[in-house]
Amino acid sequence: MVPIGDARRRFGFPWVTSALLIFLIALFILEHRLPLEGWNGWAQTFALSPATNPQHLPVTVLRNALACLFIQGKGWLEPIVNLVYFWVLGRKVEDVCGPWRFLLLILFCGLGGVVSQVLVFPQAAGPFYGLAGVVAGLMGAYFVLYQMRPIRTWIFPLFFVPVSALLHLLYWAGLEFVNLSLGALRSRQWAGIITLEPNWPFLGALFVGLLAGHLFARREFLYYRKLKSGAAG
């Protein structure tokens, strides 16, 4: 199930979404070209590790909190899915917010996920990658701004159909919270095939997006939507 969205725009081209997507793809390629030792050094330098925060200066913690929003980890499936959702949701939300408000919304939602991570797992030793938090915040903003309008979706191999935004949230959350072990499946170790990953801080980013959607939206969009709802009623 691949979200496609639509190309309708009211206010202009999604410059910030496009620029950030190019940057994120370049960073994704760089991360996967780095050897494991280089990647570990990269992650320790720029990703956020709550357990080591007290050892760093506040400026360093703030730098890592911002940098971790763009570091995606060594996996393949989850980062690619997050990049696709970032493009589909980002261009729609940017159309409503405008480029600068949209950039602030991204930072606001991403840092909401970072704060949630630190509050829920204050002793976590591993690095935290925040792009999924940004996507969660965009989903929350999309829900309130577009009133959970269905998203045009490619269901492999042939079908292009509108799919509920809520179903997309459940699909994305499944990828983030549920791990499927192919090794356990091949060895028939049934108890270890499916495990849950505690990514609850992303719910914090989703909640921030739900609250911030109207805050960063263009007034003319909200006025237009109010008129449209009144006409429909």
Protein backbone atom coordinates (compact mmCIF):
# COMPACT_ATOMS: atom_id res chain seq x y z
CA MET A 1 0.00 0.00 0.00
CA VAL A 2 1.81 3.11 -1.29
CA PRO A 3 0.28 6.56 -0.65
CA ILE A 4 0.23 8.85 -3.69
CA GLY A 5 -2.05 11.71 -2.72
CA ASP A 6 -3.13 14.24 -5.31
CA ALA A 7 -1.48 17.12 -7.15
CA ARG A 8 -4.12 19.77 -6.41
CA ARG A 9 -2.60 22.92 -4.90
CA ARG A 10 -4.29 26.15 -3.95
CA PHE A 11 -1.36 28.34 -3.01
CA GLY A 12 1.76 27.22 -4.89
CA PHE A 13 4.56 24.71 -5.27
CA PRO A 14 5.74 22.80 -2.13
CA TRP A 15 9.27 24.20 -2.13
CA VAL A 16 10.18 23.28 1.45
CA THR A 17 8.84 19.72 1.15
CA SER A 18 10.73 19.19 -2.12
CA ALA A 19 14.00 20.63 -0.79
CA LEU A 20 13.83 18.62 2.43
CA LEU A 21 12.95 15.45 0.52
CA ILE A 22 16.03 15.85 -1.71
CA PHE A 23 18.15 16.44 1.39
CA LEU A 24 16.68 13.42 3.19
CA ILE A 25 17.21 11.13 0.20
CA ALA A 26 20.83 12.29 -0.13
CA LEU A 27 21.34 11.71 3.60
CA PHE A 28 19.69 8.29 3.36
CA ILE A 29 22.08 7.27 0.56
CA LEU A 30 25.06 8.62 2.51
CA GLU A 31 24.06 6.72 5.64
CA HIS A 32 23.92 3.46 3.72
CA ARG A 33 27.22 4.05 1.95
CA LEU A 34 29.07 4.61 5.20
CA PRO A 35 30.85 1.58 6.68
CA LEU A 36 29.50 0.36 10.00
CA GLU A 37 32.28 2.05 11.98
CA GLY A 38 31.68 5.35 10.25
CA TRP A 39 27.94 5.03 10.76
CA ASN A 40 28.36 4.35 14.48
CA GLY A 41 30.52 7.45 14.82
CA TRP A 42 27.97 9.50 12.85
CA ALA A 43 25.11 8.31 15.05
CA GLN A 44 26.99 8.92 18.30
CA THR A 45 27.87 12.45 17.19
CA PHE A 46 24.55 13.67 15.81
CA ALA A 47 21.74 11.39 17.02
CA LEU A 48 20.08 11.94 20.38
CA SER A 49 20.85 9.50 23.21
CA PRO A 50 18.82 10.48 26.32
CA ALA A 51 21.10 8.59 28.70
CA THR A 52 24.09 10.73 27.71
CA ASN A 53 22.31 14.10 27.56
CA PRO A 54 23.44 15.24 31.05
CA GLN A 55 27.07 14.78 29.94
CA HIS A 56 26.75 17.33 27.11
CA LEU A 57 26.39 21.08 26.97
CA PRO A 58 22.85 22.40 26.33
CA VAL A 59 23.97 23.66 22.90
CA THR A 60 25.12 20.16 21.96
CA VAL A 61 21.86 18.62 23.18
CA LEU A 62 19.87 21.13 21.11
CA ARG A 63 22.04 20.45 18.05
CA ASN A 64 21.51 16.70 18.39
CA ALA A 65 17.77 17.16 19.00
CA LEU A 66 17.51 18.99 15.66
CA ALA A 67 19.96 16.77 13.77
CA CYS A 68 18.23 13.54 14.84
CA LEU A 69 15.08 14.66 13.01
CA PHE A 70 16.85 13.91 9.72
CA ILE A 71 18.91 10.81 10.63
CA GLN A 72 17.03 7.71 9.52
CA GLY A 73 19.06 4.71 10.68
CA LYS A 74 20.59 1.78 8.81
CA GLY A 75 17.32 0.04 7.95
CA TRP A 76 15.60 0.13 4.57
CA LEU A 77 11.84 -0.39 4.81
CA GLU A 78 10.95 2.06 7.57
CA PRO A 79 13.05 4.99 6.24
CA ILE A 80 11.67 4.54 2.70
CA VAL A 81 8.09 4.40 3.98
CA ASN A 82 8.72 7.51 6.08
CA LEU A 83 10.14 9.35 3.06
CA VAL A 84 7.08 8.47 0.97
CA TYR A 85 4.69 9.64 3.68
CA PHE A 86 6.77 12.78 4.21
CA TRP A 87 6.32 13.68 0.53
CA VAL A 88 2.60 12.87 0.32
CA LEU A 89 1.61 14.51 3.59
CA GLY A 90 4.19 17.28 3.52
CA ARG A 91 3.14 18.84 0.23
CA LYS A 92 -0.52 18.90 1.33
CA VAL A 93 0.24 20.41 4.72
CA GLU A 94 2.70 22.92 3.24
CA ASP A 95 0.00 24.00 0.79
CA VAL A 96 -2.17 24.92 3.78
CA CYS A 97 0.56 26.45 5.96
CA GLY A 98 2.91 28.13 3.51
CA PRO A 99 6.67 27.41 3.38
CA TRP A 100 7.89 29.14 6.53
CA ARG A 101 5.03 28.11 8.78
CA PHE A 102 5.35 24.58 7.42
CA LEU A 103 9.05 24.51 8.33
CA LEU A 104 8.20 25.66 11.84
CA LEU A 105 5.49 23.00 12.05
CA ILE A 106 7.99 20.29 11.11
CA LEU A 107 10.43 21.45 13.79
CA PHE A 108 7.63 21.80 16.33
CA CYS A 109 6.32 18.26 15.70
CA GLY A 110 9.78 16.71 15.48
CA LEU A 111 10.90 18.28 18.75
CA GLY A 112 7.61 17.13 20.28
CA GLY A 113 8.65 13.58 19.45
CA VAL A 114 12.13 14.20 20.88
CA VAL A 115 10.72 15.56 24.15
CA SER A 116 8.36 12.59 24.37
CA GLN A 117 11.28 10.21 23.84
CA VAL A 118 13.28 11.82 26.63
CA LEU A 119 10.28 11.82 29.00
CA VAL A 120 9.21 8.23 28.30
CA PHE A 121 12.69 6.70 28.03
CA PRO A 122 15.04 9.00 30.00
CA GLN A 123 17.66 6.27 30.39
CA ALA A 124 17.65 5.01 26.79
CA ALA A 125 21.25 4.40 25.73
CA GLY A 126 20.62 3.93 22.01
CA PRO A 127 20.36 6.80 19.52
CA PHE A 128 16.93 8.20 18.66
CA TYR A 129 16.00 8.86 15.03
CA GLY A 130 13.30 11.48 14.71
CA LEU A 131 12.06 11.38 11.08
CA ALA A 132 9.23 9.06 12.12
CA GLY A 133 8.23 11.68 14.70
CA VAL A 134 8.07 14.32 11.95
CA VAL A 135 5.85 12.03 9.86
CA ALA A 136 3.62 11.35 12.88
CA GLY A 137 3.24 15.10 13.41
CA LEU A 138 2.37 15.60 9.73
CA MET A 139 -0.28 12.89 10.02
CA GLY A 140 -1.81 14.71 12.98
CA ALA A 141 -1.78 18.01 11.08
CA TYR A 142 -3.31 16.34 8.00
CA PHE A 143 -6.12 14.89 10.12
CA VAL A 144 -7.22 18.24 11.50
CA LEU A 145 -6.64 20.31 8.35
CA TYR A 146 -8.16 17.92 5.82
CA GLN A 147 -10.61 16.32 8.24
CA MET A 148 -9.18 12.84 7.63
CA ARG A 149 -9.84 13.02 3.87
CA PRO A 150 -8.92 9.74 2.11
CA ILE A 151 -5.51 9.54 0.45
CA ARG A 152 -5.18 8.24 -3.11
CA THR A 153 -3.21 5.02 -2.81
CA TRP A 154 -1.48 2.49 -5.06
CA ILE A 155 -2.30 -1.03 -3.92
CA PHE A 156 0.24 -3.25 -5.65
CA PRO A 157 0.19 -4.22 -8.44
CA LEU A 158 -2.74 -2.54 -10.24
CA PHE A 159 -5.23 -0.68 -8.08
CA PHE A 160 -5.38 3.07 -7.46
CA VAL A 161 -8.05 3.75 -4.85
CA PRO A 162 -8.77 6.31 -2.08
CA VAL A 163 -7.87 4.85 1.30
CA SER A 164 -8.90 6.30 4.66
CA ALA A 165 -6.25 8.46 6.34
CA LEU A 166 -6.94 6.53 9.56
CA LEU A 167 -6.09 3.26 7.80
CA HIS A 168 -2.83 4.81 6.61
CA LEU A 169 -2.05 5.78 10.20
CA LEU A 170 -2.65 2.20 11.36
CA TYR A 171 -0.50 0.86 8.50
CA TRP A 172 2.33 3.25 9.28
CA ALA A 173 2.08 2.59 13.03
CA GLY A 174 2.27 -1.15 12.34
CA LEU A 175 5.59 -0.66 10.56
CA GLU A 176 6.88 1.46 13.43
CA PHE A 177 5.63 -0.62 16.36
CA VAL A 178 5.68 -4.19 15.05
CA ASN A 179 8.80 -6.10 14.05
CA LEU A 180 8.60 -9.25 11.91
CA SER A 181 11.62 -11.54 12.26
CA LEU A 182 12.24 -13.47 9.05
CA GLY A 183 14.97 -15.48 10.79
CA ALA A 184 12.53 -16.68 13.47
CA LEU A 185 9.98 -17.47 10.75
CA ARG A 186 12.44 -19.59 8.78
CA SER A 187 13.54 -21.46 11.91
CA ARG A 188 9.91 -21.80 13.07
CA GLN A 189 10.55 -20.11 16.38
CA TRP A 190 6.94 -18.99 16.63
CA ALA A 191 7.33 -17.05 19.86
CA GLY A 192 9.89 -14.68 18.31
CA ILE A 193 8.33 -14.02 14.92
CA ILE A 194 6.42 -10.89 15.95
CA THR A 195 7.74 -8.49 18.56
CA LEU A 196 6.59 -5.04 19.62
CA GLU A 197 8.94 -2.05 19.54
CA PRO A 198 8.19 0.65 22.15
CA ASN A 199 7.95 3.66 19.84
CA TRP A 200 5.33 5.37 22.00
CA PRO A 201 7.07 8.77 21.81
CA PHE A 202 5.78 9.05 18.24
CA LEU A 203 2.32 9.35 19.75
CA GLY A 204 3.56 12.55 21.37
CA ALA A 205 4.51 13.92 17.94
CA LEU A 206 1.11 12.88 16.56
CA PHE A 207 -0.62 14.73 19.40
CA VAL A 208 1.51 17.84 18.77
CA GLY A 209 0.52 17.72 15.09
CA LEU A 210 -3.15 17.50 16.02
CA LEU A 211 -2.80 20.60 18.19
CA ALA A 212 -0.53 22.56 15.85
CA GLY A 213 -2.38 22.04 12.57
CA HIS A 214 -4.75 24.96 13.02
CA LEU A 215 -2.06 27.06 14.71
CA PHE A 216 0.18 27.09 11.62
CA ALA A 217 -2.51 27.01 8.90
CA ARG A 218 -3.19 29.99 6.64
CA ARG A 219 -6.18 31.99 7.82
CA GLU A 220 -7.60 32.06 4.28
CA PHE A 221 -7.62 28.26 4.12
CA LEU A 222 -9.50 27.96 7.40
CA TYR A 223 -11.95 30.65 6.24
CA TYR A 224 -12.49 28.85 2.93
CA ARG A 225 -13.07 25.55 4.74
CA LYS A 226 -15.55 27.19 7.10
CA LEU A 227 -17.48 28.65 4.15
CA LYS A 228 -17.46 25.29 2.38
CA SER A 229 -18.72 23.50 5.51
CA GLY A 230 -21.46 26.09 5.92
CA ALA A 231 -22.54 25.72 2.31
CA ALA A 232 -22.61 21.94 2.64
CA GLY A 233 -24.70 22.20 5.82
